[in-house]
């Protein structure tokens, strides 16, 4: 192993970012079905429901009633790797010399995750609004199986980031509102791959399971220079996770396991700038620029990774991600007093490069299209639905994983193709 497992850990951490949501290479979390319809082009200016407690807490001052929001979201998709791999096998003196395993072909995986969000807001007085939120800005999983061309890099990987906390909004003047929120985020991930054994012996199944917490904040300002124009700026601090768990390697006859596995990793800081304008009583346009500081996290270290001979190794991974700027443009159309229609497009850039990209991270630069609608039943209840489909560019993979001494362990060459669809629904309950 064990650069394989280390690289997978890097991938899983970074996929959770991003957030992105889309996270890793998804840099925008899918936090509400309402925002999904216009691809969060109104990220820092929307203030249409309590989910603003996460995207820009300054927008809470636009909510004048207690409100409860429940927004279940899900992502479906698939990815395919096509190419070849070469993996050296260790020697077993004096009986069996070192060799290598070469294979080529296609490896397929389904991509899937379910991530609900909950929000609650309550006005304290005419200037202060308090809120609580629980959201899952990232959840994703791949499962290539144990007998594919990429089995020595990835068989199964899942990662989920849950974010909880309070937020507060303050209306400083008639035109300016300020907001602040605290984040307690929990990361959980599972990373599995096959570990090559000496020729003639069964490969080992390598598994890592880790969980960890991180704490940070998010803040924002909402400025309304005109009655029909809003400008919003929000910031999410870096989250440094301290994850612990177990690492094991086993075959049909042997099993080695440690509960001392640990690793530190960060989700990078993000900044969002949004502009929203009502062109007519029915048409509203909006746009957002998303900046993600990927360079703040240059490497990951796995402290205690189990080898298939029962020893532990420490791995340090350098991956050279670059900062990214993403763009979303959207529009809302008020068709009737009860129906609001949404649409948007996002241009998403990938922080990864061909040298460090792995198969557990199948997504990359993309154009995403979104559609959505809101139905207002009465002054207390309204409902949102949204859908977003991603058109990813083909990614080249040219990865050479190294062991602790710098010796190549597995070389994988080929290309990745992926497609995903995000679906969401939302209920908004104003308590009057």
Protein backbone atom coordinates (compact mmCIF):
# COMPACT_ATOMS: atom_id res chain seq x y z
CA UNK A 1 0.00 0.00 0.00
CA UNK A 2 0.55 2.77 1.34
CA UNK A 3 0.73 5.72 -0.73
CA UNK A 4 -2.48 4.38 -2.24
CA UNK A 5 -4.40 4.82 0.97
CA UNK A 6 -2.76 8.14 1.66
CA UNK A 7 -3.74 9.48 -1.73
CA UNK A 8 -7.28 8.29 -1.20
CA UNK A 9 -7.40 10.15 2.08
CA UNK A 10 -6.27 13.35 0.40
CA UNK A 11 -8.93 12.87 -2.23
CA UNK A 12 -11.70 12.24 0.26
CA UNK A 13 -10.80 15.24 2.36
CA UNK A 14 -10.68 17.51 -0.63
CA UNK A 15 -13.86 16.17 -2.15
CA UNK A 16 -15.62 17.27 0.98
CA UNK A 17 -14.90 20.74 0.39
CA UNK A 18 -15.37 21.92 -1.90
CA UNK A 19 -17.11 22.05 -1.45
CA UNK A 20 -18.36 22.39 -2.63
CA UNK A 21 -20.46 20.96 -3.04
CA UNK A 22 -20.43 20.08 -5.24
CA UNK A 23 -17.42 19.62 -3.01
CA UNK A 24 -13.69 18.90 -3.67
CA UNK A 25 -14.04 19.91 -7.16
CA UNK A 26 -17.57 20.88 -6.14
CA UNK A 27 -16.86 24.19 -4.45
CA UNK A 28 -20.49 25.12 -3.77
CA UNK A 29 -22.30 23.13 -1.06
CA UNK A 30 -25.84 22.05 -1.93
CA UNK A 31 -27.49 23.55 1.14
CA UNK A 32 -31.05 24.15 -0.10
CA UNK A 33 -33.43 23.21 -2.88
CA UNK A 34 -34.38 26.87 -3.33
CA UNK A 35 -30.81 27.85 -4.19
CA UNK A 36 -30.29 24.78 -6.36
CA UNK A 37 -32.78 26.07 -8.94
CA UNK A 38 -30.60 29.05 -9.87
CA UNK A 39 -27.29 27.30 -9.03
CA UNK A 40 -26.80 29.55 -5.98
CA UNK A 41 -26.32 32.62 -8.15
CA UNK A 42 -27.94 34.48 -5.21
CA UNK A 43 -25.70 32.80 -2.60
CA UNK A 44 -24.99 35.94 -0.56
CA UNK A 45 -28.11 37.97 -1.46
CA UNK A 46 -31.10 35.61 -1.44
CA UNK A 47 -32.42 36.05 2.12
CA UNK A 48 -35.65 34.34 1.02
CA UNK A 49 -35.62 31.69 3.75
CA UNK A 50 -33.71 30.55 6.83
CA UNK A 51 -31.00 28.78 4.80
CA UNK A 52 -29.38 32.22 4.56
CA UNK A 53 -28.11 31.47 8.10
CA UNK A 54 -25.41 29.38 6.39
CA UNK A 55 -24.85 31.17 3.05
CA UNK A 56 -24.90 34.74 4.44
CA UNK A 57 -26.24 35.24 8.00
CA UNK A 58 -26.67 38.96 7.32
CA UNK A 59 -29.72 38.00 5.24
CA UNK A 60 -31.52 36.84 8.39
CA UNK A 61 -32.64 40.42 8.96
CA UNK A 62 -34.96 40.07 5.95
CA UNK A 63 -36.95 37.34 7.72
CA UNK A 64 -39.74 38.79 9.87
CA UNK A 65 -41.33 35.62 11.23
CA UNK A 66 -40.17 32.47 12.93
CA UNK A 67 -39.37 29.99 10.19
CA UNK A 68 -38.53 26.31 9.99
CA UNK A 69 -36.95 24.91 6.79
CA UNK A 70 -36.40 21.25 5.93
CA UNK A 71 -34.48 20.56 2.70
CA UNK A 72 -33.59 16.96 1.78
CA UNK A 73 -31.07 16.77 -1.08
CA UNK A 74 -29.58 13.90 -3.05
CA UNK A 75 -26.90 13.38 -5.70
CA UNK A 76 -26.94 10.62 -8.32
CA UNK A 77 -24.43 9.90 -11.02
CA UNK A 78 -21.73 7.67 -12.40
CA UNK A 79 -18.04 7.76 -13.29
CA UNK A 80 -15.85 5.66 -15.57
CA UNK A 81 -12.10 5.20 -15.72
CA UNK A 82 -10.57 3.82 -18.89
CA UNK A 83 -6.88 3.05 -18.97
CA UNK A 84 -4.14 0.89 -17.49
CA UNK A 85 -2.24 0.34 -14.26
CA UNK A 86 1.06 -1.23 -13.19
CA UNK A 87 1.60 -2.28 -9.58
CA UNK A 88 4.88 -3.86 -8.33
CA UNK A 89 4.53 -6.78 -5.95
CA UNK A 90 6.81 -7.11 -2.92
CA UNK A 91 9.44 -9.89 -2.82
CA UNK A 92 9.11 -12.82 -0.43
CA UNK A 93 12.68 -14.05 0.05
CA UNK A 94 13.97 -16.55 -0.53
CA UNK A 95 11.08 -18.19 -2.36
CA UNK A 96 9.38 -15.62 -4.54
CA UNK A 97 11.03 -12.64 -6.30
CA UNK A 98 9.40 -9.27 -6.77
CA UNK A 99 7.23 -8.87 -9.86
CA UNK A 100 4.51 -6.58 -11.12
CA UNK A 101 0.81 -6.72 -11.95
CA UNK A 102 -0.23 -4.99 -15.17
CA UNK A 103 -3.84 -4.59 -16.23
CA UNK A 104 -5.98 -2.43 -18.47
CA UNK A 105 -9.66 -1.93 -19.03
CA UNK A 106 -12.66 -0.01 -17.75
CA UNK A 107 -13.77 0.59 -14.17
CA UNK A 108 -17.25 1.93 -13.43
CA UNK A 109 -18.82 3.32 -10.29
CA UNK A 110 -22.08 4.80 -9.20
CA UNK A 111 -21.96 8.13 -7.37
CA UNK A 112 -24.58 8.68 -4.71
CA UNK A 113 -25.31 10.52 -1.48
CA UNK A 114 -28.24 11.85 0.56
CA UNK A 115 -27.81 15.03 2.62
CA UNK A 116 -30.73 16.73 4.41
CA UNK A 117 -30.57 20.25 5.86
CA UNK A 118 -32.54 21.87 8.69
CA UNK A 119 -32.81 25.59 9.50
CA UNK A 120 -34.67 27.59 12.14
CA UNK A 121 -34.80 31.37 12.51
CA UNK A 122 -36.53 33.64 15.02
CA UNK A 123 -36.58 37.46 15.17
CA UNK A 124 -35.47 38.80 18.54
CA UNK A 125 -36.53 42.38 17.78
CA UNK A 126 -36.61 44.71 14.78
CA UNK A 127 -32.80 44.56 14.41
CA UNK A 128 -31.68 41.13 15.61
CA UNK A 129 -32.54 37.69 14.22
CA UNK A 130 -31.20 34.42 15.66
CA UNK A 131 -30.96 31.09 13.79
CA UNK A 132 -29.83 27.50 14.12
CA UNK A 133 -28.70 25.36 11.20
CA UNK A 134 -27.76 21.78 10.43
CA UNK A 135 -26.60 21.09 6.91
CA UNK A 136 -24.53 18.59 4.96
CA UNK A 137 -22.44 20.65 2.58
CA UNK A 138 -20.89 17.50 1.19
CA UNK A 139 -21.59 13.78 0.83
CA UNK A 140 -20.31 11.49 -1.91
CA UNK A 141 -19.37 7.88 -2.47
CA UNK A 142 -17.73 5.70 -5.12
CA UNK A 143 -17.56 1.90 -5.31
CA UNK A 144 -15.43 0.40 -8.10
CA UNK A 145 -15.32 -3.12 -6.64
CA UNK A 146 -12.36 -5.32 -5.75
CA UNK A 147 -11.47 -6.76 -9.17
CA UNK A 148 -11.07 -3.75 -11.50
CA UNK A 149 -8.08 -2.10 -13.14
CA UNK A 150 -8.07 0.56 -10.36
CA UNK A 151 -8.41 -1.81 -7.38
CA UNK A 152 -4.97 -0.93 -6.01
CA UNK A 153 -5.99 2.74 -5.82
CA UNK A 154 -9.66 2.53 -4.84
CA UNK A 155 -12.35 -0.04 -4.26
CA UNK A 156 -14.80 1.89 -2.10
CA UNK A 157 -14.71 5.44 -0.71
CA UNK A 158 -17.38 7.43 1.10
CA UNK A 159 -17.16 10.83 2.76
CA UNK A 160 -19.72 13.00 4.56
CA UNK A 161 -19.32 16.44 6.17
CA UNK A 162 -22.06 17.60 8.58
CA UNK A 163 -22.08 21.23 9.74
CA UNK A 164 -24.01 22.49 12.78
CA UNK A 165 -24.22 25.80 14.61
CA UNK A 166 -25.95 29.07 15.47
CA UNK A 167 -26.08 32.25 13.39
CA UNK A 168 -27.19 35.79 14.11
CA UNK A 169 -28.07 38.73 11.88
CA UNK A 170 -28.02 42.41 12.83
CA UNK A 171 -29.63 45.26 10.87
CA UNK A 172 -27.11 48.06 11.37
CA UNK A 173 -28.92 50.62 9.18
CA UNK A 174 -31.83 50.62 6.76
CA UNK A 175 -29.38 49.64 4.01
CA UNK A 176 -26.72 47.51 5.74
CA UNK A 177 -27.04 44.22 7.63
CA UNK A 178 -24.29 42.17 9.25
CA UNK A 179 -24.18 38.49 10.17
CA UNK A 180 -22.05 35.92 11.95
CA UNK A 181 -22.30 32.14 12.35
CA UNK A 182 -20.31 29.49 14.20
CA UNK A 183 -19.50 26.11 12.61
CA UNK A 184 -18.99 22.74 14.26
CA UNK A 185 -18.31 20.32 11.39
CA UNK A 186 -17.97 16.55 11.59
CA UNK A 187 -16.13 14.59 8.91
CA UNK A 188 -16.61 10.83 8.46
CA UNK A 189 -15.03 8.79 5.71
CA UNK A 190 -14.29 5.22 4.65
CA UNK A 191 -11.43 4.45 2.24
CA UNK A 192 -10.82 0.97 0.87
CA UNK A 193 -8.44 -0.48 -1.72
CA UNK A 194 -6.64 -3.71 -2.50
CA UNK A 195 -3.00 -4.10 -1.43
CA UNK A 196 -0.73 -6.10 -3.73
CA UNK A 197 0.84 -9.18 -2.12
CA UNK A 198 3.82 -11.28 -3.33
CA UNK A 199 3.10 -13.25 -6.51
CA UNK A 200 1.23 -16.42 -5.69
CA UNK A 201 -0.38 -14.98 -2.55
CA UNK A 202 -3.83 -13.37 -2.26
CA UNK A 203 -4.02 -9.59 -2.28
CA UNK A 204 -4.89 -7.89 0.99
CA UNK A 205 -8.02 -5.84 1.49
CA UNK A 206 -6.98 -2.47 2.98
CA UNK A 207 -9.55 -0.39 4.82
CA UNK A 208 -9.47 2.92 6.69
CA UNK A 209 -12.32 4.40 8.73
CA UNK A 210 -11.84 7.84 10.32
CA UNK A 211 -13.94 10.57 11.89
CA UNK A 212 -13.02 14.04 13.09
CA UNK A 213 -14.29 17.47 14.10
CA UNK A 214 -13.41 21.00 13.04
CA UNK A 215 -14.56 24.41 14.26
CA UNK A 216 -14.78 27.71 12.45
CA UNK A 217 -17.07 30.56 11.51
CA UNK A 218 -18.83 32.22 8.61
CA UNK A 219 -19.78 35.86 8.29
CA UNK A 220 -21.36 38.25 5.84
CA UNK A 221 -22.68 41.68 4.98
CA UNK A 222 -25.78 42.57 2.96
CA UNK A 223 -26.02 46.02 1.36
CA UNK A 224 -29.14 47.35 -0.36
CA UNK A 225 -28.20 50.61 -2.14
CA UNK A 226 -31.58 50.72 -3.94
CA UNK A 227 -34.94 49.16 -3.18
CA UNK A 228 -34.52 46.78 -6.12
CA UNK A 229 -30.77 45.99 -5.77
CA UNK A 230 -28.81 43.93 -3.24
CA UNK A 231 -25.10 43.28 -2.89
CA UNK A 232 -23.90 40.52 -0.58
CA UNK A 233 -20.46 39.41 0.57
CA UNK A 234 -19.89 36.30 2.69
CA UNK A 235 -16.88 34.42 4.00
CA UNK A 236 -16.38 30.87 5.31
CA UNK A 237 -13.29 30.27 7.41
CA UNK A 238 -10.92 27.35 6.92
CA UNK A 239 -11.89 24.23 8.88
CA UNK A 240 -9.04 22.08 10.21
CA UNK A 241 -10.15 18.50 10.92
CA UNK A 242 -8.38 16.25 13.40
CA UNK A 243 -9.53 12.77 12.39
CA UNK A 244 -8.87 9.48 14.18
CA UNK A 245 -9.94 5.91 13.52
CA UNK A 246 -8.68 2.52 12.47
CA UNK A 247 -6.59 1.09 9.65
CA UNK A 248 -6.52 -2.58 8.72
CA UNK A 249 -5.18 -4.95 6.08
CA UNK A 250 -6.51 -8.50 5.82
CA UNK A 251 -6.67 -11.57 3.59
CA UNK A 252 -8.50 -14.86 4.01
CA UNK A 253 -5.78 -16.05 6.37
CA UNK A 254 -4.28 -12.93 8.01
CA UNK A 255 -5.58 -9.74 9.57
CA UNK A 256 -3.71 -6.72 10.92
CA UNK A 257 -5.50 -3.76 12.50
CA UNK A 258 -4.69 -0.61 14.44
CA UNK A 259 -7.00 1.85 16.15
CA UNK A 260 -4.33 4.57 16.25
CA UNK A 261 -4.80 5.90 12.71
CA UNK A 262 -5.00 9.70 12.60
CA UNK A 263 -4.74 12.51 10.11
CA UNK A 264 -5.18 16.28 9.94
CA UNK A 265 -6.74 17.97 6.94
CA UNK A 266 -8.50 21.22 6.12
CA UNK A 267 -11.41 22.49 4.14
CA UNK A 268 -10.19 25.77 2.60
CA UNK A 269 -11.58 29.23 3.25
CA UNK A 270 -14.15 30.49 0.74
CA UNK A 271 -15.38 33.95 -0.24
CA UNK A 272 -18.59 34.71 -2.14
CA UNK A 273 -19.67 38.00 -3.75
CA UNK A 274 -23.25 38.28 -5.07
CA UNK A 275 -25.30 40.93 -6.87
CA UNK A 276 -29.08 40.75 -7.28
CA UNK A 277 -31.38 43.16 -9.14
CA UNK A 278 -35.13 43.28 -9.80
CA UNK A 279 -35.41 44.32 -13.44
CA UNK A 280 -39.22 44.26 -13.36
CA UNK A 281 -41.83 43.21 -10.78
CA UNK A 282 -41.63 39.72 -12.32
CA UNK A 283 -37.96 39.30 -13.37
CA UNK A 284 -34.96 39.17 -11.02
CA UNK A 285 -31.39 38.55 -12.13
CA UNK A 286 -28.44 37.54 -9.96
CA UNK A 287 -24.79 36.55 -10.23
CA UNK A 288 -22.16 35.24 -7.80
CA UNK A 289 -18.38 34.86 -7.89
CA UNK A 290 -16.98 32.08 -5.64
CA UNK A 291 -13.31 32.15 -4.63
CA UNK A 292 -11.77 29.09 -2.88
CA UNK A 293 -8.34 29.26 -1.26
CA UNK A 294 -7.10 25.75 -2.08
CA UNK A 295 -3.42 26.69 -1.62
CA UNK A 296 -3.93 26.91 2.15
CA UNK A 297 -3.85 23.10 2.28
CA UNK A 298 -0.73 21.81 0.49
CA UNK A 299 -0.47 18.29 1.98
CA UNK A 300 -1.98 15.58 4.18
CA UNK A 301 -0.20 13.24 6.58
CA UNK A 302 -1.47 9.79 7.57
CA UNK A 303 0.25 8.97 10.83
CA UNK A 304 -0.36 5.23 11.28
CA UNK A 305 -1.34 3.31 8.15
CA UNK A 306 -1.35 -0.47 8.46
CA UNK A 307 0.72 -2.49 5.97
CA UNK A 308 -0.13 -6.04 4.97
CA UNK A 309 2.86 -7.36 6.94
CA UNK A 310 1.57 -5.95 10.22
CA UNK A 311 3.78 -2.84 10.40
CA UNK A 312 2.72 0.81 10.45
CA UNK A 313 3.93 3.57 8.15
CA UNK A 314 3.66 7.36 8.08
CA UNK A 315 2.70 8.98 4.79
CA UNK A 316 3.05 12.60 3.64
CA UNK A 317 1.21 13.61 0.47
CA UNK A 318 1.92 16.71 -1.63
CA UNK A 319 -0.73 17.45 -4.28
CA UNK A 320 -0.23 21.06 -5.49
CA UNK A 321 -3.82 22.24 -5.81
CA UNK A 322 -4.42 25.78 -7.08
CA UNK A 323 -6.99 28.35 -6.00
CA UNK A 324 -10.19 28.48 -8.03
CA UNK A 325 -12.77 31.06 -9.09
CA UNK A 326 -16.26 29.80 -10.01
CA UNK A 327 -19.20 31.75 -11.43
CA UNK A 328 -22.98 31.37 -11.27
CA UNK A 329 -25.59 33.36 -13.19
CA UNK A 330 -29.31 32.96 -12.61
CA UNK A 331 -32.79 34.44 -12.95
CA UNK A 332 -36.14 34.20 -11.16
CA UNK A 333 -39.50 34.72 -12.84
CA UNK A 334 -42.67 35.37 -10.83
CA UNK A 335 -45.20 33.62 -13.03
CA UNK A 336 -48.17 34.13 -10.66
CA UNK A 337 -48.72 35.15 -7.06
CA UNK A 338 -48.15 31.52 -6.07
CA UNK A 339 -45.50 30.32 -8.53
CA UNK A 340 -41.87 31.45 -8.78
CA UNK A 341 -39.67 29.85 -11.45
CA UNK A 342 -35.85 29.67 -11.28
CA UNK A 343 -33.00 28.91 -13.65
CA UNK A 344 -29.22 29.18 -13.53
CA UNK A 345 -25.86 28.12 -14.93
CA UNK A 346 -22.59 27.63 -13.09
CA UNK A 347 -19.06 27.52 -14.48
CA UNK A 348 -17.02 25.38 -12.10
CA UNK A 349 -13.23 25.07 -12.22
CA UNK A 350 -11.20 22.21 -10.78
CA UNK A 351 -8.26 22.79 -8.41
CA UNK A 352 -6.67 19.47 -9.34
CA UNK A 353 -4.10 18.61 -12.01
CA UNK A 354 -3.32 15.48 -14.03
CA UNK A 355 -0.29 14.49 -11.95
CA UNK A 356 -2.14 14.18 -8.64
CA UNK A 357 -5.70 13.31 -9.73
CA UNK A 358 -6.96 9.93 -8.52
CA UNK A 359 -9.89 7.73 -9.46
CA UNK A 360 -11.62 8.25 -6.09
CA UNK A 361 -12.02 11.89 -7.16
CA UNK A 362 -13.87 11.54 -10.47
CA UNK A 363 -15.24 15.07 -10.81
CA UNK A 364 -13.53 18.12 -12.23
CA UNK A 365 -14.27 21.28 -14.21
CA UNK A 366 -17.85 21.44 -15.39
CA UNK A 367 -20.77 23.47 -16.62
CA UNK A 368 -23.84 22.94 -14.43
CA UNK A 369 -27.42 23.76 -15.40
CA UNK A 370 -30.15 24.25 -12.81
CA UNK A 371 -33.94 24.60 -12.79
CA UNK A 372 -36.33 25.08 -9.90
CA UNK A 373 -39.64 26.43 -8.67
CA UNK A 374 -41.34 27.67 -5.51
CA UNK A 375 -45.05 27.23 -4.78
CA UNK A 376 -46.54 29.44 -2.05
CA UNK A 377 -49.57 27.74 -0.54
CA UNK A 378 -50.37 30.50 1.94
CA UNK A 379 -48.54 32.96 4.17
CA UNK A 380 -47.35 30.10 6.38
CA UNK A 381 -46.31 27.38 3.91
CA UNK A 382 -44.28 27.32 0.72
CA UNK A 383 -42.45 24.55 -1.13
CA UNK A 384 -39.34 24.47 -3.33
CA UNK A 385 -37.97 21.93 -5.78
CA UNK A 386 -34.72 22.08 -7.71
CA UNK A 387 -32.51 20.04 -10.01
CA UNK A 388 -28.97 20.57 -11.24
CA UNK A 389 -27.12 18.52 -13.85
CA UNK A 390 -23.33 18.65 -14.31
CA UNK A 391 -21.55 18.32 -17.63
CA UNK A 392 -17.96 17.41 -16.70
CA UNK A 393 -14.97 17.67 -18.95
CA UNK A 394 -12.98 14.50 -19.49
CA UNK A 395 -10.09 14.36 -17.02
CA UNK A 396 -6.70 12.83 -17.75
CA UNK A 397 -5.17 10.63 -15.05
CA UNK A 398 -1.40 10.16 -14.97
CA UNK A 399 -0.74 9.23 -11.35
CA UNK A 400 2.34 7.55 -9.90
CA UNK A 401 1.81 6.70 -6.23
CA UNK A 402 4.98 6.42 -4.15
CA UNK A 403 5.78 4.65 -0.90
CA UNK A 404 7.50 6.26 2.10
CA UNK A 405 10.95 5.85 0.53
CA UNK A 406 9.91 7.42 -2.77
CA UNK A 407 9.66 4.15 -4.72
CA UNK A 408 6.77 3.93 -7.23
CA UNK A 409 3.99 1.69 -5.92
CA UNK A 410 1.27 2.01 -8.54
CA UNK A 411 1.16 3.87 -11.84
CA UNK A 412 -2.24 4.58 -13.38
CA UNK A 413 -2.71 6.16 -16.81
CA UNK A 414 -5.99 6.87 -18.56
CA UNK A 415 -8.95 9.20 -18.45
CA UNK A 416 -12.03 9.81 -16.30
CA UNK A 417 -15.57 10.67 -17.37
CA UNK A 418 -18.31 11.54 -14.90
CA UNK A 419 -21.85 12.87 -14.77
CA UNK A 420 -24.00 13.82 -11.79
CA UNK A 421 -27.51 15.09 -11.11
CA UNK A 422 -28.56 16.76 -7.86
CA UNK A 423 -32.22 16.72 -6.80
CA UNK A 424 -33.75 18.66 -3.92
CA UNK A 425 -37.05 19.49 -2.26
CA UNK A 426 -37.78 21.97 0.52
CA UNK A 427 -40.59 22.97 2.83
CA UNK A 428 -40.68 26.45 4.39
CA UNK A 429 -42.96 26.95 7.40
CA UNK A 430 -43.51 30.46 8.73
CA UNK A 431 -44.71 30.32 12.32
CA UNK A 432 -46.96 33.32 12.88
